Structures are given as C-alpha cells and as structure tokens.
Amino acid sequence: MADVQKSAFSLTSATLMMAPAFTTDVFSLRPDLHSVGMSSEVNVTVDSSVTSLLNGVAQSVVDSKRTGVSASITANVYEMTAMKMMRSQALAGNPITMKRGVLSAALASGAVSLSVNSSPVPGETTSAITQVTDIPAGSTLLIQRANQPDYMFIATSSGVATGTAPYTVPIASAAIPTGMTFAVGDLVWVVDDIPIASIDSDDTFGVKIVGTLSQFNRPIVAVFPKVRVAKGFQLSFNETQYTSMPWELAPLLLSASEVASINRGTEIGTRAPGVVYVGA
C-alpha cells in the first residue's frame, strides 16, 4: 500500500456560480449573488483523444499526438426557480421578482378584474406585494385554488394595478373562463413566463466553482470566463424522490480581444478555457 503524501482528499460539495459572460467579473462572483443554489455531483472533466501514425502490416504506432482536448462541467441543480430555469436554457436575462397575494373578493366566470391582498411566501419577504408597481401592466398571473392546487388559471394583467391593499388588477384580455370560479383566500402568483427550447437562447456565461477538501478547508477554485450551456433544462415530477436538472456546460477558449477586455484575462490566456487554483 502506498504511503499517504498529503491530506488532500475530496469528499465534499461545491458551490457553482455563474453570471453572464463579460458583464460580471468572473473572479468576483459571490455565493450570495451568483450561486445556482443546492447542487450535487459537480464535476469538471477534461477529455481528449490521440491521433496516431501507424506503420506497416502490423500497424505499429510510430508517433502520436494528443488531440481533441476539451473541458466540460456537469452538475445536478435542485432549486426549480425562474432564474435556474433561464440559466439552464442559456438565457442571460434576469427574471422578475416573484410576488404572491390572495383574492379579497371571489371570482365568477367572466370576471375581468381581481381584488388582491399581499400574502408573501413564508420566509420570502421579497414576495410581498407592497405597491401597485409590483403588478405592472402585462404581468403574468397564476390564479390558484388554495384547497385544490392543480385548479389553476393563467391570466395576464391588461393594465396597471390600482388601489392600496386590496389592489385592483384588470384582466380584461384574459377574463375568467366559463365554468371556472375562485373564492376569497385563493392565491394569486405574479410570475415570469419562460420560453422552453427557444431557438434564440444561446448566451454565454462566466463560471466559478469553489470547493474544499476534506481536511483544513483546503480550497479548490476553478474559473472559466466563457462557458456555453449545452444541456440543463428538465422539468420532472417524481412521487418517490426529489428531482434535479442535469446541467452540462462547455467551457470555451477566449480570443485575444476577449482576454484584453476582461479583468485578469491574462491569467486565463488563449490556450486554455479556464484555470484551477488548489490549496494543496
């Protein structure tokens, strides 16, 4: 058995952070602002192939070169938020801040306005409705029965909200359909509508991965200034286990002009898509 040379072993998790490429300094990404949240099986892998020169009937290898060198990042991402669903589809924009309220008046078929009081998600103070600008014209609204969560209508606000708790929200362009009704206390969610498999989504991102080894919090940090999202979005409903989105990210080489345009670009250079820093 080989002697252990250093207590530098990996049995740990890592924090995966990302932001739109070239707009946020990749070295400055922070867990509180840029983390993708709970994730597991975060892997950075380098793959390559070998091209060989063969000779004779025996096809003996007389020379070879390492070719097709590429890096990949994979992870299972668990938090099903609008931001994660956008990033998983290479969408660099920022979603609206989700808001939640409750109906203060019942809705019958044909209703063209809502009366809504604030009812934030417990522990999420940002989801409170505190002013009319929290429900601007064109907002996407999910109206949900509190005692029957799968009874849902998707509405769109047709104008600005008015009033002060309760707020009056017009929905003339998407009135309550015939046969649907909602009661006082049913929920109203102000949400984003996120395209699925958009042919226009192909933004690049900067990625920073921070982990520690099993002893002394020895750090391992990997930085990739330019990464393309290869795979990620998966909407899965499972009755027996928690589901995740399996992300696959492809780091890309920087051009000389890109190196010059970013902070500390020369540390990355044009010959490798990223750098790893190891405290061991």
Protein backbone atom coordinates (compact mmCIF):
# COMPACT_ATOMS: atom_id res chain seq x y z
CA MET A 1 0.00 0.00 0.00
CA ALA A 2 1.35 3.43 -0.94
CA ASP A 3 2.13 5.92 1.81
CA VAL A 4 -0.20 8.93 2.03
CA GLN A 5 1.74 12.00 0.92
CA LYS A 6 -0.68 14.77 1.90
CA SER A 7 -4.15 15.06 3.45
CA ALA A 8 -5.68 16.36 0.24
CA PHE A 9 -8.78 14.24 -0.30
CA SER A 10 -12.13 15.11 -1.81
CA LEU A 11 -15.34 14.13 -0.04
CA THR A 12 -17.32 17.31 -0.26
CA SER A 13 -19.74 19.50 -2.15
CA ALA A 14 -19.04 22.62 -4.18
CA THR A 15 -20.66 25.96 -4.91
CA LEU A 16 -21.35 26.57 -8.60
CA MET A 17 -21.64 30.26 -9.50
CA MET A 18 -22.42 31.81 -12.86
CA ALA A 19 -23.22 35.18 -14.44
CA PRO A 20 -23.47 36.49 -17.99
CA ALA A 21 -20.04 36.39 -19.64
CA PHE A 22 -18.02 39.61 -19.93
CA THR A 23 -20.54 41.69 -17.96
CA THR A 24 -19.60 40.48 -14.46
CA ASP A 25 -16.01 39.83 -13.37
CA VAL A 26 -15.81 36.04 -13.10
CA PHE A 27 -13.20 36.25 -10.34
CA SER A 28 -15.61 38.33 -8.24
CA LEU A 29 -18.64 36.02 -8.37
CA ARG A 30 -20.21 35.62 -4.90
CA PRO A 31 -22.29 32.78 -3.41
CA ASP A 32 -24.99 35.16 -2.17
CA LEU A 33 -25.50 36.75 -5.59
CA HIS A 34 -24.44 34.22 -8.21
CA SER A 35 -24.76 30.68 -6.79
CA VAL A 36 -27.10 28.28 -8.58
CA GLY A 37 -28.10 27.04 -5.13
CA MET A 38 -28.23 23.46 -3.97
CA SER A 39 -26.36 21.19 -6.36
CA SER A 40 -24.65 17.82 -6.26
CA GLU A 41 -22.15 15.83 -8.29
CA VAL A 42 -20.36 18.95 -9.53
CA ASN A 43 -17.69 17.71 -11.93
CA VAL A 44 -15.05 19.35 -14.10
CA THR A 45 -13.71 16.88 -16.65
CA VAL A 46 -11.02 17.14 -19.30
CA ASP A 47 -11.34 14.79 -22.28
CA SER A 48 -9.02 14.22 -25.19
CA SER A 49 -8.23 11.74 -27.94
CA VAL A 50 -5.00 10.55 -29.53
CA THR A 51 -4.22 10.68 -33.24
CA SER A 52 -1.61 8.04 -34.14
CA LEU A 53 0.73 7.46 -37.07
CA LEU A 54 0.73 3.75 -37.94
CA ASN A 55 3.33 1.81 -39.92
CA GLY A 56 3.36 -1.49 -41.78
CA VAL A 57 1.12 -4.50 -41.84
CA ALA A 58 1.37 -4.70 -38.06
CA GLN A 59 0.12 -1.11 -37.86
CA SER A 60 2.67 -0.26 -35.22
CA VAL A 61 2.37 3.13 -33.59
CA VAL A 62 5.40 5.21 -34.52
CA ASP A 63 4.13 8.57 -33.34
CA SER A 64 1.04 10.05 -31.70
CA LYS A 65 -0.35 13.40 -30.71
CA ARG A 66 -2.94 14.35 -28.13
CA THR A 67 -5.88 15.95 -29.94
CA GLY A 68 -9.46 16.95 -29.35
CA VAL A 69 -8.75 18.42 -25.89
CA SER A 70 -11.89 19.81 -24.25
CA ALA A 71 -13.28 20.54 -20.80
CA SER A 72 -16.81 20.01 -19.52
CA ILE A 73 -18.72 20.91 -16.37
CA THR A 74 -21.64 18.84 -15.12
CA ALA A 75 -23.87 19.19 -12.06
CA ASN A 76 -27.29 18.30 -10.74
CA VAL A 77 -29.15 21.51 -9.84
CA TYR A 78 -32.13 21.14 -7.50
CA GLU A 79 -33.74 24.54 -6.97
CA MET A 80 -36.54 24.97 -9.52
CA THR A 81 -36.58 28.76 -9.68
CA ALA A 82 -37.18 31.02 -12.65
CA MET A 83 -33.53 32.08 -12.61
CA LYS A 84 -32.25 28.47 -12.70
CA MET A 85 -34.68 27.56 -15.49
CA MET A 86 -33.46 30.52 -17.51
CA ARG A 87 -29.78 29.74 -16.96
CA SER A 88 -30.37 26.08 -17.83
CA GLN A 89 -31.53 27.24 -21.29
CA ALA A 90 -28.72 29.72 -21.91
CA LEU A 91 -30.90 32.74 -21.13
CA ALA A 92 -28.83 35.51 -19.57
CA GLY A 93 -31.67 37.86 -18.63
CA ASN A 94 -32.96 38.34 -15.10
CA PRO A 95 -36.48 37.19 -14.15
CA ILE A 96 -38.89 39.43 -12.32
CA THR A 97 -39.16 39.12 -8.55
CA MET A 98 -41.99 36.66 -7.89
CA LYS A 99 -44.89 38.07 -5.85
CA ARG A 100 -47.79 36.33 -4.09
CA GLY A 101 -51.18 37.53 -2.97
CA VAL A 102 -54.65 36.28 -2.11
CA LEU A 103 -58.04 37.16 -3.51
CA SER A 104 -60.03 39.50 -1.29
CA ALA A 105 -63.14 39.02 -3.44
CA ALA A 106 -64.47 35.91 -5.15
CA LEU A 107 -64.18 35.48 -8.93
CA ALA A 108 -67.01 34.17 -11.09
CA SER A 109 -66.93 33.20 -14.75
CA GLY A 110 -66.36 36.26 -16.93
CA ALA A 111 -64.67 38.33 -14.21
CA VAL A 112 -62.34 40.94 -15.72
CA SER A 113 -60.58 42.21 -12.60
CA LEU A 114 -59.02 40.85 -9.43
CA SER A 115 -59.01 42.24 -5.90
CA VAL A 116 -55.74 41.15 -4.29
CA ASN A 117 -54.13 41.45 -0.88
CA SER A 118 -50.49 40.62 -0.20
CA SER A 119 -49.68 37.12 1.08
CA PRO A 120 -45.92 36.55 0.79
CA VAL A 121 -44.41 33.08 0.79
CA PRO A 122 -43.24 32.37 4.38
CA GLY A 123 -39.60 33.32 4.75
CA GLU A 124 -39.54 35.22 1.42
CA THR A 125 -40.14 38.86 2.24
CA THR A 126 -39.41 39.88 -1.35
CA SER A 127 -42.58 38.07 -2.46
CA ALA A 128 -44.82 40.57 -0.64
CA ILE A 129 -47.00 42.88 -2.72
CA THR A 130 -46.37 46.34 -1.27
CA GLN A 131 -47.19 48.73 -4.11
CA VAL A 132 -49.07 48.85 -7.40
CA THR A 133 -45.82 48.66 -9.37
CA ASP A 134 -45.39 45.10 -8.09
CA ILE A 135 -48.14 44.15 -10.58
CA PRO A 136 -47.38 46.17 -13.72
CA ALA A 137 -49.40 46.01 -16.91
CA GLY A 138 -48.70 42.81 -18.82
CA SER A 139 -47.89 40.77 -15.71
CA THR A 140 -48.44 37.03 -15.88
CA LEU A 141 -50.77 35.92 -13.08
CA LEU A 142 -51.40 32.38 -11.86
CA ILE A 143 -54.72 32.16 -10.01
CA GLN A 144 -54.80 29.01 -7.88
CA ARG A 145 -57.37 27.48 -5.58
CA ALA A 146 -55.85 27.26 -2.10
CA ASN A 147 -57.53 23.92 -1.36
CA GLN A 148 -57.03 22.45 -4.84
CA PRO A 149 -53.55 23.39 -6.10
CA ASP A 150 -53.98 21.88 -9.57
CA TYR A 151 -57.03 24.09 -10.27
CA MET A 152 -55.27 26.97 -11.99
CA PHE A 153 -55.94 29.75 -14.47
CA ILE A 154 -53.20 31.72 -16.24
CA ALA A 155 -54.21 35.36 -16.62
CA THR A 156 -52.48 38.50 -17.87
CA SER A 157 -52.96 41.93 -16.38
CA SER A 158 -54.40 44.20 -19.04
CA GLY A 159 -53.46 47.43 -17.29
CA VAL A 160 -51.74 48.87 -14.25
CA ALA A 161 -52.91 47.84 -10.80
CA THR A 162 -54.67 50.46 -8.68
CA GLY A 163 -55.60 50.91 -5.02
CA THR A 164 -53.82 50.14 -1.77
CA ALA A 165 -54.38 46.70 -0.23
CA PRO A 166 -56.51 45.35 -1.71
CA TYR A 167 -55.12 46.13 -5.14
CA THR A 168 -57.40 46.06 -8.18
CA VAL A 169 -55.84 44.28 -11.13
CA PRO A 170 -57.56 44.38 -14.56
CA ILE A 171 -57.51 41.14 -16.59
CA ALA A 172 -59.84 42.10 -19.46
CA SER A 173 -57.58 40.42 -22.03
CA ALA A 174 -57.82 37.09 -20.17
CA ALA A 175 -61.14 37.04 -18.31
CA ILE A 176 -62.05 34.12 -16.06
CA PRO A 177 -63.35 31.39 -18.41
CA THR A 178 -66.83 29.96 -18.37
CA GLY A 179 -67.13 27.29 -15.70
CA MET A 180 -64.18 28.46 -13.58
CA THR A 181 -64.62 30.17 -10.21
CA PHE A 182 -62.31 31.21 -7.38
CA ALA A 183 -63.02 32.06 -3.74
CA VAL A 184 -61.75 34.60 -1.25
CA GLY A 185 -58.38 33.39 0.00
CA ASP A 186 -57.36 31.69 -3.23
CA LEU A 187 -53.83 32.51 -4.31
CA VAL A 188 -52.53 34.89 -6.96
CA TRP A 189 -48.92 34.49 -8.11
CA VAL A 190 -47.10 37.14 -10.17
CA VAL A 191 -44.55 35.18 -12.19
CA ASP A 192 -42.32 35.12 -15.24
CA ASP A 193 -43.17 33.29 -18.44
CA ILE A 194 -40.02 31.48 -19.60
CA PRO A 195 -39.69 30.14 -23.16
CA ILE A 196 -38.84 26.45 -23.48
CA ALA A 197 -36.31 25.37 -26.14
CA SER A 198 -36.12 28.85 -27.65
CA ILE A 199 -34.04 28.90 -30.82
CA ASP A 200 -32.83 32.39 -29.83
CA SER A 201 -31.27 31.42 -26.48
CA ASP A 202 -27.52 30.90 -26.77
CA ASP A 203 -25.92 33.28 -24.28
CA THR A 204 -22.53 32.56 -22.73
CA PHE A 205 -21.64 32.76 -19.05
CA GLY A 206 -18.71 33.10 -16.70
CA VAL A 207 -18.47 30.24 -14.19
CA LYS A 208 -16.67 29.98 -10.87
CA ILE A 209 -16.64 26.76 -8.84
CA VAL A 210 -15.47 26.74 -5.22
CA GLY A 211 -14.99 23.61 -3.13
CA THR A 212 -12.89 22.49 -0.19
CA LEU A 213 -11.01 19.28 0.52
CA SER A 214 -11.84 17.07 3.48
CA GLN A 215 -9.18 18.46 5.83
CA PHE A 216 -8.29 22.04 6.88
CA ASN A 217 -10.74 23.58 4.38
CA ARG A 218 -8.11 23.42 1.66
CA PRO A 219 -9.67 25.37 -1.22
CA ILE A 220 -10.09 24.33 -4.82
CA VAL A 221 -11.32 27.07 -7.15
CA ALA A 222 -11.97 26.69 -10.88
CA VAL A 223 -12.60 29.75 -13.05
CA PHE A 224 -13.98 29.74 -16.60
CA PRO A 225 -14.69 33.16 -18.14
CA LYS A 226 -16.61 31.88 -21.18
CA VAL A 227 -18.94 28.90 -20.95
CA ARG A 228 -21.74 27.70 -23.19
CA VAL A 229 -24.75 25.85 -21.79
CA ALA A 230 -25.01 22.52 -23.63
CA LYS A 231 -27.84 20.92 -21.63
CA GLY A 232 -29.72 21.74 -18.49
CA PHE A 233 -33.46 22.27 -18.56
CA GLN A 234 -35.51 19.34 -17.31
CA LEU A 235 -38.97 19.62 -15.80
CA SER A 236 -39.54 16.39 -13.93
CA PHE A 237 -42.25 15.38 -11.44
CA ASN A 238 -41.49 12.33 -9.32
CA GLU A 239 -43.56 10.90 -6.47
CA THR A 240 -40.73 8.95 -4.81
CA GLN A 241 -37.64 11.18 -4.90
CA TYR A 242 -36.55 14.76 -5.35
CA THR A 243 -35.69 15.67 -8.90
CA SER A 244 -32.96 17.88 -10.32
CA MET A 245 -31.87 19.47 -13.58
CA PRO A 246 -28.77 17.76 -15.03
CA TRP A 247 -26.62 20.61 -16.31
CA GLU A 248 -23.85 20.24 -18.87
CA LEU A 249 -21.63 23.26 -19.53
CA ALA A 250 -18.93 23.58 -22.17
CA PRO A 251 -16.01 25.96 -21.41
CA LEU A 252 -14.66 27.82 -24.46
CA LEU A 253 -11.29 29.32 -25.33
CA LEU A 254 -11.01 33.09 -25.18
CA SER A 255 -9.92 35.13 -28.16
CA ALA A 256 -7.07 37.60 -27.79
CA SER A 257 -9.51 40.51 -27.83
CA GLU A 258 -11.63 38.85 -25.13
CA VAL A 259 -8.54 38.31 -22.97
CA ALA A 260 -7.77 42.02 -23.26
CA SER A 261 -11.36 43.03 -22.44
CA ILE A 262 -11.78 41.24 -19.09
CA ASN A 263 -10.22 41.72 -15.69
CA ARG A 264 -7.18 39.44 -15.22
CA GLY A 265 -7.72 37.93 -18.63
CA THR A 266 -4.01 37.21 -19.00
CA GLU A 267 -4.28 34.70 -16.13
CA ILE A 268 -6.52 32.64 -18.40
CA GLY A 269 -4.98 33.41 -21.77
CA THR A 270 -5.99 31.96 -25.12
CA ARG A 271 -4.59 28.44 -24.71
CA ALA A 272 -6.91 27.03 -22.03
CA PRO A 273 -10.60 27.74 -21.26
CA GLY A 274 -10.04 28.03 -17.52
CA VAL A 275 -7.72 27.84 -14.53
CA VAL A 276 -7.85 25.81 -11.30
CA TYR A 277 -6.31 27.03 -8.04
CA VAL A 278 -5.54 24.38 -5.39
CA GLY A 279 -4.55 24.91 -1.76
CA ALA A 280 -2.64 21.64 -1.55
